[in-house]
C-alpha atoms as a PDB file:
ATOM      1  CA  MET A   1      52.577 -30.017 -11.744  1.00  0.00           C
ATOM      2  CA  LYS A   2      49.762 -31.257  -9.552  1.00  0.00           C
ATOM      3  CA  ARG A   3      50.762 -29.088  -6.602  1.00  0.00           C
ATOM      4  CA  ILE A   4      50.884 -26.024  -8.896  1.00  0.00           C
ATOM      5  CA  PHE A   5      47.440 -26.758 -10.295  1.00  0.00           C
ATOM      6  CA  LEU A   6      46.000 -27.421  -6.943  1.00  0.00           C
ATOM      7  CA  SER A   7      47.611 -24.266  -5.554  1.00  0.00           C
ATOM      8  CA  LEU A   8      46.191 -22.253  -8.455  1.00  0.00           C
ATOM      9  CA  LEU A   9      42.800 -23.858  -8.058  1.00  0.00           C
ATOM     10  CA  SER A  10      42.879 -22.991  -4.264  1.00  0.00           C
ATOM     11  CA  VAL A  11      43.801 -19.312  -4.909  1.00  0.00           C
ATOM     12  CA  ILE A  12      40.864 -19.058  -7.432  1.00  0.00           C
ATOM     13  CA  PHE A  13      38.523 -20.681  -4.825  1.00  0.00           C
ATOM     14  CA  LEU A  14      39.639 -18.265  -2.074  1.00  0.00           C
ATOM     15  CA  ALA A  15      39.222 -15.303  -4.361  1.00  0.00           C
ATOM     16  CA  LEU A  16      35.635 -16.393  -5.150  1.00  0.00           C
ATOM     17  CA  ILE A  17      34.879 -16.883  -1.426  1.00  0.00           C
ATOM     18  CA  SER A  18      36.347 -13.561  -0.521  1.00  0.00           C
ATOM     19  CA  ASN A  19      34.045 -11.860  -3.041  1.00  0.00           C
ATOM     20  CA  ALA A  20      30.931 -13.160  -1.345  1.00  0.00           C
ATOM     21  CA  GLN A  21      27.690 -11.301  -1.895  1.00  0.00           C
ATOM     22  CA  LYS A  22      26.464  -8.888   0.839  1.00  0.00           C
ATOM     23  CA  PHE A  23      22.846  -8.844   1.834  1.00  0.00           C
ATOM     24  CA  ALA A  24      20.882  -6.641   4.165  1.00  0.00           C
ATOM     25  CA  LEU A  25      17.295  -6.407   5.509  1.00  0.00           C
ATOM     26  CA  VAL A  26      15.063  -3.452   5.982  1.00  0.00           C
ATOM     27  CA  ASP A  27      11.677  -3.155   7.600  1.00  0.00           C
ATOM     28  CA  ILE A  28       9.555  -0.842   5.392  1.00  0.00           C
ATOM     29  CA  GLU A  29       6.658  -0.833   7.857  1.00  0.00           C
ATOM     30  CA  TYR A  30       9.044   0.251  10.633  1.00  0.00           C
ATOM     31  CA  ILE A  31      10.491   2.960   8.437  1.00  0.00           C
ATOM     32  CA  LEU A  32       7.158   4.247   7.374  1.00  0.00           C
ATOM     33  CA  LYS A  33       5.846   4.454  10.992  1.00  0.00           C
ATOM     34  CA  ASN A  34       8.877   6.654  11.730  1.00  0.00           C
ATOM     35  CA  ILE A  35       8.224   9.054   8.968  1.00  0.00           C
ATOM     36  CA  PRO A  36       5.763  11.813  10.143  1.00  0.00           C
ATOM     37  CA  SER A  37       4.685  12.818   6.606  1.00  0.00           C
ATOM     38  CA  TYR A  38       3.512   9.248   6.076  1.00  0.00           C
ATOM     39  CA  GLU A  39       1.325   9.347   9.226  1.00  0.00           C
ATOM     40  CA  ILE A  40      -0.217  12.673   8.131  1.00  0.00           C
ATOM     41  CA  ALA A  41      -0.909  11.238   4.675  1.00  0.00           C
ATOM     42  CA  ASN A  42      -2.427   8.231   6.120  1.00  0.00           C
ATOM     43  CA  GLN A  43      -4.732  10.459   8.388  1.00  0.00           C
ATOM     44  CA  GLN A  44      -5.685  12.577   5.390  1.00  0.00           C
ATOM     45  CA  LEU A  45      -6.585   9.367   3.508  1.00  0.00           C
ATOM     46  CA  ASN A  46      -8.621   8.007   6.529  1.00  0.00           C
ATOM     47  CA  GLN A  47     -10.553  11.186   6.871  1.00  0.00           C
ATOM     48  CA  LEU A  48     -11.450  11.404   3.151  1.00  0.00           C
ATOM     49  CA  SER A  49     -12.466   7.700   3.216  1.00  0.00           C
ATOM     50  CA  GLN A  50     -14.782   8.225   6.164  1.00  0.00           C
ATOM     51  CA  ASN A  51     -16.321  11.397   4.645  1.00  0.00           C
ATOM     52  CA  TRP A  52     -16.918   9.526   1.331  1.00  0.00           C
ATOM     53  CA  GLN A  53     -18.220   6.493   3.177  1.00  0.00           C
ATOM     54  CA  LYS A  54     -20.724   8.688   5.054  1.00  0.00           C
ATOM     55  CA  GLU A  55     -21.917  10.208   1.708  1.00  0.00           C
ATOM     56  CA  ILE A  56     -22.456   6.685   0.197  1.00  0.00           C
ATOM     57  CA  GLU A  57     -24.323   5.501   3.214  1.00  0.00           C
ATOM     58  CA  ALA A  58     -26.635   8.665   3.188  1.00  0.00           C
ATOM     59  CA  LYS A  59     -27.330   7.684  -0.522  1.00  0.00           C
ATOM     60  CA  GLN A  60     -27.991   4.110   0.440  1.00  0.00           C
ATOM     61  CA  ASN A  61     -30.341   5.287   3.235  1.00  0.00           C
ATOM     62  CA  GLU A  62     -32.189   7.602   0.862  1.00  0.00           C
ATOM     63  CA  ALA A  63     -32.757   4.507  -1.362  1.00  0.00           C
ATOM     64  CA  GLU A  64     -33.891   2.439   1.576  1.00  0.00           C
ATOM     65  CA  GLU A  65     -36.436   5.037   2.740  1.00  0.00           C
ATOM     66  CA  ALA A  66     -37.704   5.502  -0.813  1.00  0.00           C
ATOM     67  CA  TYR A  67     -38.164   1.606  -1.071  1.00  0.00           C
ATOM     68  CA  GLN A  68     -39.914   1.626   2.269  1.00  0.00           C
ATOM     69  CA  LYS A  69     -42.246   4.447   1.183  1.00  0.00           C
ATOM     70  CA  TYR A  70     -42.924   2.579  -2.040  1.00  0.00           C
ATOM     71  CA  GLN A  71     -43.829  -0.551  -0.104  1.00  0.00           C
ATOM     72  CA  THR A  72     -46.186   1.140   2.319  1.00  0.00           C
ATOM     73  CA  GLU A  73     -48.031   2.966  -0.536  1.00  0.00           C
ATOM     74  CA  TYR A  74     -47.849   0.074  -3.021  1.00  0.00           C
ATOM     75  CA  ILE A  75     -51.433  -1.036  -2.944  1.00  0.00           C
ATOM     76  CA  PHE A  76     -52.689   2.510  -3.468  1.00  0.00           C
ATOM     77  CA  LEU A  77     -50.619   3.110  -6.572  1.00  0.00           C
ATOM     78  CA  THR A  78     -51.434   2.678 -10.179  1.00  0.00           C
ATOM     79  CA  ASP A  79     -49.218   0.521 -12.385  1.00  0.00           C
ATOM     80  CA  GLU A  80     -47.660   3.643 -13.868  1.00  0.00           C
ATOM     81  CA  GLN A  81     -46.947   5.121 -10.333  1.00  0.00           C
ATOM     82  CA  LYS A  82     -45.495   1.766  -9.341  1.00  0.00           C
ATOM     83  CA  ARG A  83     -43.060   1.766 -12.201  1.00  0.00           C
ATOM     84  CA  GLN A  84     -42.270   5.337 -11.596  1.00  0.00           C
ATOM     85  CA  ARG A  85     -41.358   4.656  -7.975  1.00  0.00           C
ATOM     86  CA  GLU A  86     -39.522   1.446  -8.840  1.00  0.00           C
ATOM     87  CA  ASP A  87     -37.384   3.499 -11.337  1.00  0.00           C
ATOM     88  CA  GLU A  88     -36.830   6.113  -8.645  1.00  0.00           C
ATOM     89  CA  VAL A  89     -35.532   3.599  -6.172  1.00  0.00           C
ATOM     90  CA  THR A  90     -33.356   1.927  -8.711  1.00  0.00           C
ATOM     91  CA  SER A  91     -32.001   5.298  -9.748  1.00  0.00           C
ATOM     92  CA  ILE A  92     -31.032   6.178  -6.234  1.00  0.00           C
ATOM     93  CA  GLU A  93     -29.343   2.639  -5.665  1.00  0.00           C
ATOM     94  CA  LYS A  94     -27.352   3.106  -9.016  1.00  0.00           C
ATOM     95  CA  ALA A  95     -26.245   6.504  -7.755  1.00  0.00           C
ATOM     96  CA  ALA A  96     -24.934   5.088  -4.467  1.00  0.00           C
ATOM     97  CA  ALA A  97     -23.070   2.279  -6.456  1.00  0.00           C
ATOM     98  CA  THR A  98     -21.672   4.918  -8.892  1.00  0.00           C
ATOM     99  CA  LEU A  99     -20.537   6.949  -5.863  1.00  0.00           C
ATOM    100  CA  ARG A 100     -18.870   3.921  -4.309  1.00  0.00           C
ATOM    101  CA  TYR A 101     -16.965   3.073  -7.552  1.00  0.00           C
ATOM    102  CA  LYS A 102     -16.068   6.735  -8.162  1.00  0.00           C
ATOM    103  CA  TYR A 103     -14.533   6.955  -4.580  1.00  0.00           C
ATOM    104  CA  PHE A 104     -13.306   3.463  -3.889  1.00  0.00           C
ATOM    105  CA  GLY A 105     -13.009   1.718  -7.287  1.00  0.00           C
ATOM    106  CA  PRO A 106      -9.600   0.560  -8.715  1.00  0.00           C
ATOM    107  CA  ASP A 107      -9.128   3.968 -10.360  1.00  0.00           C
ATOM    108  CA  GLY A 108     -11.065   5.848  -7.823  1.00  0.00           C
ATOM    109  CA  GLU A 109     -10.378   9.015  -6.098  1.00  0.00           C
ATOM    110  CA  LEU A 110      -9.013   7.272  -2.939  1.00  0.00           C
ATOM    111  CA  SER A 111      -6.577   5.365  -5.072  1.00  0.00           C
ATOM    112  CA  GLN A 112      -5.461   8.509  -6.910  1.00  0.00           C
ATOM    113  CA  LYS A 113      -5.200  10.427  -3.671  1.00  0.00           C
ATOM    114  CA  ARG A 114      -3.129   7.581  -2.150  1.00  0.00           C
ATOM    115  CA  GLN A 115      -0.924   7.559  -5.245  1.00  0.00           C
ATOM    116  CA  ALA A 116      -0.398  11.393  -4.931  1.00  0.00           C
ATOM    117  CA  LEU A 117       0.358  11.324  -1.230  1.00  0.00           C
ATOM    118  CA  ILE A 118       2.153   8.045  -0.565  1.00  0.00           C
ATOM    119  CA  GLN A 119       4.191   7.432  -3.802  1.00  0.00           C
ATOM    120  CA  PRO A 120       6.633  10.276  -3.254  1.00  0.00           C
ATOM    121  CA  ILE A 121       7.433   8.953   0.194  1.00  0.00           C
ATOM    122  CA  GLN A 122       7.915   5.508  -1.147  1.00  0.00           C
ATOM    123  CA  ASP A 123      10.125   6.760  -3.942  1.00  0.00           C
ATOM    124  CA  GLU A 124      12.254   8.718  -1.424  1.00  0.00           C
ATOM    125  CA  ILE A 125      12.687   5.484   0.697  1.00  0.00           C
ATOM    126  CA  TYR A 126      13.595   3.465  -2.380  1.00  0.00           C
ATOM    127  CA  ASN A 127      16.228   6.013  -3.386  1.00  0.00           C
ATOM    128  CA  ALA A 128      17.758   6.095   0.054  1.00  0.00           C
ATOM    129  CA  ILE A 129      17.890   2.258   0.135  1.00  0.00           C
ATOM    130  CA  LYS A 130      19.449   2.213  -3.405  1.00  0.00           C
ATOM    131  CA  LYS A 131      22.101   4.766  -2.269  1.00  0.00           C
ATOM    132  CA  LEU A 132      22.890   2.802   0.896  1.00  0.00           C
ATOM    133  CA  ALA A 133      23.278  -0.426  -1.180  1.00  0.00           C
ATOM    134  CA  ASP A 134      25.488   1.332  -3.630  1.00  0.00           C
ATOM    135  CA  GLU A 135      27.702   2.860  -0.885  1.00  0.00           C
ATOM    136  CA  LYS A 136      27.937  -0.300   1.258  1.00  0.00           C
ATOM    137  CA  GLY A 137      28.279  -2.775  -1.573  1.00  0.00           C
ATOM    138  CA  TYR A 138      25.028  -4.672  -0.901  1.00  0.00           C
ATOM    139  CA  GLN A 139      23.911  -6.978  -3.799  1.00  0.00           C
ATOM    140  CA  ALA A 140      20.414  -7.117  -2.308  1.00  0.00           C
ATOM    141  CA  ILE A 141      18.350  -5.479   0.412  1.00  0.00           C
ATOM    142  CA  ILE A 142      15.218  -7.494   1.352  1.00  0.00           C
ATOM    143  CA  ASP A 143      12.110  -6.088   2.998  1.00  0.00           C
ATOM    144  CA  ARG A 144      11.588  -8.196   6.010  1.00  0.00           C
ATOM    145  CA  ALA A 145       7.977  -6.991   6.372  1.00  0.00           C
ATOM    146  CA  SER A 146       6.916  -8.419   3.071  1.00  0.00           C
ATOM    147  CA  ALA A 147       9.352 -11.421   2.928  1.00  0.00           C
ATOM    148  CA  SER A 148       7.321 -14.057   4.934  1.00  0.00           C
ATOM    149  CA  ASP A 149       9.746 -16.783   4.024  1.00  0.00           C
ATOM    150  CA  ILE A 150      12.477 -15.241   6.382  1.00  0.00           C
ATOM    151  CA  ILE A 151      12.415 -17.322   9.558  1.00  0.00           C
ATOM    152  CA  TYR A 152      15.387 -15.837  11.193  1.00  0.00           C
ATOM    153  CA  ALA A 153      17.677 -12.990  10.403  1.00  0.00           C
ATOM    154  CA  SER A 154      20.405 -11.467  12.380  1.00  0.00           C
ATOM    155  CA  PRO A 155      19.587  -7.890  13.665  1.00  0.00           C
ATOM    156  CA  LYS A 156      23.101  -6.963  12.582  1.00  0.00           C
ATOM    157  CA  ILE A 157      22.018  -7.012   8.934  1.00  0.00           C
ATOM    158  CA  ASP A 158      18.998  -4.833   9.445  1.00  0.00           C
ATOM    159  CA  VAL A 159      19.707  -1.393   7.989  1.00  0.00           C
ATOM    160  CA  SER A 160      16.276   0.189   8.668  1.00  0.00           C
ATOM    161  CA  ASN A 161      17.911   2.781  11.030  1.00  0.00           C
ATOM    162  CA  ASP A 162      20.468   3.573   8.482  1.00  0.00           C
ATOM    163  CA  VAL A 163      17.722   4.229   5.845  1.00  0.00           C
ATOM    164  CA  LEU A 164      15.858   6.414   8.369  1.00  0.00           C
ATOM    165  CA  ALA A 165      19.052   8.391   9.170  1.00  0.00           C
ATOM    166  CA  ARG A 166      19.561   8.949   5.423  1.00  0.00           C
ATOM    167  CA  LEU A 167      16.073  10.355   5.143  1.00  0.00           C
ATOM    168  CA  GLY A 168      16.759  12.665   8.014  1.00  0.00           C
ATOM    169  CA  TYR A 169      14.901  10.771  10.717  1.00  0.00           C
ATOM    170  CA  SER A 170      17.417   9.491  13.214  1.00  0.00           C
ATOM    171  CA  ARG A 171      16.447   6.691  15.655  1.00  0.00           C
END
């Protein structure tokens, strides 16, 4: 009776071991670097960012020049003119701050443009990873680029090139 119980227990244990979970790794940064449309989108975002930064700097320079002019003429101005010039400088500074927030704020134009350009690429990568996981029977696929806790992982379980191939970019 004990032997039958131990044999049955051994069979159950072996069945559980043989049904081990499968894991894989991907390197999202590597995948993104090998997708030309991602590089193009990044270049567009960088160009927009530089243009907007120049516009903001021009507005800040305008405020600085107005303030310098105010300081040089300060002793010749009446109290009313002083208030008017101070308001003018403050108004220009506020306009620069408003521009900065409009372009680079949390819901700013750069964020919206990034969402429009990059999100479809990320969705495409996610769907390719999901299909790969379903087909190969992976329970989890971990991004090695963002998982800083991984000290070592065998290159055999990295499926980044498989994802690129699935997206039509063979490596």
